Amino acid sequence: MEQRTLLALTVFSSLIVLAETNDQKPAVEIYSLHVDCKVTSRFAHTVITSRIVNRANESREATFEVELPKTAFITNFSMSIDGEVYPGIIKEKAAAQNEYDSAVSQGQSAGLVKITDRKLEQFHVSVSIAAASKVTFELTYEELLKRQLGKYELLIKVRPKQLVKHFQIDVHIFEPQGIHFLETDSTFMTNELTEALTKEQNETKAHILFKPTLEQQKKNSELDETLLNGDFVVRYDVKREATAGDIQIVNGYFVHYFAPQEMPVFPKNVIFVIDRSGSMTGRKIEQTRDALLKILQDLRQEDHFSFITFNHKVVEWKSSLLPASEENVASAAALVQTLTARGGTDINGALLAAVGVLDKAEGLPEHSVSMIILLTDGQPTSGERNVEVIQENVQKAINGNYALFCLGFGFDVSYKFLEKMALSNGGIARRIYENADAALQLQGFYQEVATPILMQIEMQYPENSIEGLTKNNFKLFFEGSEIIVSGKISNELDLLPVEIKAQSHTSNLTLKEEANVKEKEQVFQNQRYIFGNFIERLWAYLTIQQLLEKAISAQEEDQKALEAQALDLSLRYSFVTPLTSMVVTKPQQQEELANKPTEADNEKPRKLPAGASLQRLHSRMPGEDDSVAFALRGGRPADRWRSELQSGSNRKMFSTVSRFRHAKIAQPIASEHPQLLLQLPRQNERICLNIDERAQTSVPLLSDPEQGFTVMGTLGDGINHFVQFDINYVNPPVQIHVYTHAILVSHNNNNNWLSWTTSTSSTIQGLTVSVEKDKSVTASLPDTVTVKISLVRFPEDFLGLYFLNTDRFSDKVTGVLGQFYSKAQFGSNSNNDQRAVERLLRVSGSEHKVSRLYKKDYRLESASEPVSCWSIELTP
C-alpha cells in the first residue's frame, strides 16, 4: 500500500515452470515463455504467457509458478488445454471461500498464492495434461510503480528450470515527461547472453528486448542446463522541471505526479527505540548493532538524536536529544556496541518514554521534523500487554506532533499491531526479514526517511469539477520519492488548475499549474505502449490501496464502509485484492482459489529463539525443522515420531516410553505449580508431572489415533513451565496453537487469532474452541476427550494443560503424558492410605517411586490452597 511517507516499492515478476521426469530432456517441455511488460507513466501492466507440451506417452503434471510483487493486483488468469479455455473468475472473497469450502471437503486442493519473501508473493497452479497435449498458461497483473531513492525499478526473476526454445522478455516504457536515465542489469548475464539483449530509446520511449537462443541459454555446449536463473533488472527515472509537477489525462481521468528536487533538507529529531529483549539474542542483536553503527554515520550534523533501549525495563540513553556531533555520535556508537538481549518486552513503556523525551526537548531547530523509529521482534509481554490499549496510549501521547515508524524484526511480531500504530501516527510499518541482509534492510529503510524536504503538503483541485479524488494531503515528503494524486474530471473543463501548498525548511511554498485537457489527452493517442484506459485503472488501483490502508486504523463501523468501497472497485475493475478471490476452474470441475495474502498472513508459529526469556509468537509450525523432538530417553527424530502417530504405530511409541526406567523422586518445593497435572482414569489419584529442564523444549505429550488428535508442548526458557501447546485434530483438520499472549486457530490455510482479553468462541465442523477471558481455553468435540488449557499470569506467564472426559481415551493413547492414561497403575502398598508419602507407580512396563507433595492446582480459579498429588520428575 502507498504509505504516507510515499516510500517507493519495486516491481518483480518471476517465472518458473516445473516438470518432473527421469529423462535428460523434460517430458513436459516449455516450448515458449514470454513476458510482455508495458509501463505507461509508472503504471505497469504485465502479461506472462507459457506454452507447454507433454511429449511423454502418458499423462503428466505441469506446474506454473510466477513470483509477483506484493503490491501488485492479479487481474486475469487462464489455462487453455487442447483448445478448451479455463478462465479465472474474480468474486467477493467471502462468497468464493464458501463455495471453495465445499470443494475442499471433497478432496480438492488449497489456495494458489503465498508470500515467498519480503517483496514477493508466488502464484502457483498445476494441471495434469494428457500425452501429446498442450497447455497455455496466461497471467496478468498490474501495479503502480513507486519511486525509491530517485529511481523506479522493474525486476524480472527468471527461473524456467530448463532450456526454452522461444524465450522472450519485452519491456516497453512510455514516459511523457521524458526518460532521464535508463539502465539494465542481470545476475546471470554472460558475454553470449549479452548479445541477446537489445535496447532502443528516444526522448520518451524505450523498448528492452531479451531473446536468447537455445545455444545462448546453455551453461555449456555438452549439457542441456540453462543459464537463466536469477534477476533481470530495468531501472529508470523521468525528467522533471521546477514546477508543480506533471499532469496526465486520458478519457476524463487525470493523474498528477509531484517530486520536487534539490530542496534544502529539514533537520531531524529522531529517537531510536530498540528492543533488547531475550528473543533478540544472537544474530538479530548483532545485525541491529551493525545497522545502527552505519545509521549513526549517516546522521547530518544539524540532526538531533537519542536512544531508548528496552526489555521489561525501559532505559533512556540520555535525558534529552543531543546534536549529531562527532563526539556524540562516537558516544552513541559505544553504547550500541554494548547492546545485549535478555528479559521481556515493554513496548508501551518504551514508546511513551520516547514521546516524553520529544515533548520536553529544548534547543531543537525551529523548523525540523521529529520522528520515532521503533524496532521490535516480539509481542508486548511486560507492562501494558493489551495491544489496543497500547495503540490508544501512543496515539494520545503523540497527538499528531511526531511521526512513528515501526519496524518488525522477523515473525514473532504482530504486523497488524505495528501497522495500525504506525499509520495512526503519520508513519509506516515495515517487516525486516531475518536474512543475511537484515542489517542492509534496516539501513535502507533509514535512508528512505533520512531526507525530509517538505511538510504539510496540500494538493488542491477545483472542488466542483473533480470526483473520486485520491489522497491529496501528506504530512511529509522525502527526497527521492514521489507524490501521486488521481481523480475523475466531472465537468467539461478546458483547463485543469492545480495549486500546491507546502512548508519547506526555508519558507512556505505555493506552486500553481494549469493543464490543458485536450492537449494532455493528445499525448496518449495512437501509442502502442498504452493498454486501455490506463489512468482510470491507475486511479482504481490507487484508490483501493488507500481505502484498505485507511481501514487499518479506522473504527469498526468506518472500517466496514471503507472495505465496502474497496470491494466494489475491486470487483468492478477485476483486481484480486485482500477482499476478493479468483476462482480458477480446472478440468473435471476442480476449483482452486487465488487469494491476495497480506503481510500479517505470513505470520506462523515458530520455535523460541535461543536465549528468549518470555514466550513470543512463533513463525513456523511447532516441531518444524527440529532435528530431534523430545521422545523420552535420548530423543527420537521428530518426523519419525509424527509419522508413527499418524500411522498408528503405537507399539514403537510404548517401547520408547518404557525407557524411563529410573525416574528420580522430585524434591518437595512447597506450593509451586507443576508443569503437568492429571487425574488418573478410574482412580482417585492426582499426578504432578515435571519434565527435566535438560529435555528438549518441544515435547510430544499425547496422541490418540482413535480420538483423532495429538498434543505437543513447548517449555519456556528460564521459567521451566509450558508456554505453548499445539493441538492437532484429524477431523476436522484443525490446528490450535495456544500461546501465553493469544490463541491461533488454523483450518484450511485460514488463520483466526483469538485474544485472551475477551471471552469468545469459534466452531468449525463441530469442533468448538472457547476462550474464558484471561483464564482458560477449551477445545471440545462430541464424543471426544475435551482439552482445556489454563493461563497463569503470576509470577511469570505460563500455561497449564488438563483433560476432561478422560475415560474416552483409547488404549492406544501414547506420549509423555498420554502413557499415564493407558498404562499407569499404582502397585500394591501396605501403606496405601492417605498418610503414605511414597508409592510405586507402573507406567508402560516400568516402575517408579513417586512421592506425595503439595502443589498449586492451575485448574482452579483460585489456587491459594495447595492440593495433594503424587509427584514424578522424568529424566531423559
Foldseek 3Di string as FASTA:
>chain_A
DQALQLAFAAKEKEWEKDWDDPDQDGQKAFQAWEWEWFAEQQKIKIKIKTKIWRQDQFKTKMKIKMKTWLLKWWFWKWKAKQNDIFTWAKDFAVVVVVVVVVLVVVPFAAFAWAADDQTIIMGMDMEIHGHGIMMMIMIIIMDRGWWHQAKYKYKYFYDHFFQHQWYKYKYKYFDVLFWPDKDKDWPLDDPLQVVQWDWDDDGGIIIIMRTHHQCSQDPDPPHRGGSRGTMIMMMTHGDDDQAQADWFDAPQKIKGKGADDDFAFFAEEEEEEEEQAQLCADPNLVLVLVLLLVVLVVHDQLHWYWYWYDALDIDTPDLETGGSDPVVSVVVNVVSVPRHYHHHHAPLVRLLSVLVRVVPYPDHDPGHAYEYEYEDAFAHFHDDRPLVVSLVSNLVSCVQRHAYEYEHEDQLYQQLSRQLSRSSRQHGYGYQYPDPCSSVVSNSVCVRVVGWFWAFKAKDWPPVFWPLKFDGTRGTYGHRTMDMIMTGGRDPDQKTKIWMWIDGSVGTDIGIDIDGNVVSNVVPPPDPSDDPRSSVVVSLSRLLVRLCSVLSNDDPVSNVVSVVVSSVSCNVSSTQAQRMWIWTAGPPRNTYIHHSDDPSLQRAAADRDPRRQFDTRHRYDPLVPDQFAFLFPPTDGPVVVVVCLQVLVLVVSLVSLQVLQEFDEDDFDAAAAAQAWEQAPPDRAIEREAEPPVTAQKFFAKGFVVLFKTKIFGAGPPPRHTAWMWIAGVVVGWIWIDGLAWIWIDHSSDIDIGGLQDWDWDDDPQWIWTHDRQFKIWTDHPLHKIKIKTWDPPPHTHIYIYIPPLVSGDLSMGTPNRQSHRAKDWDDDPPPDPPDFWTWITTSRHIYIWGWYWYFDSVDPDRPGTDIHTYTYGYD
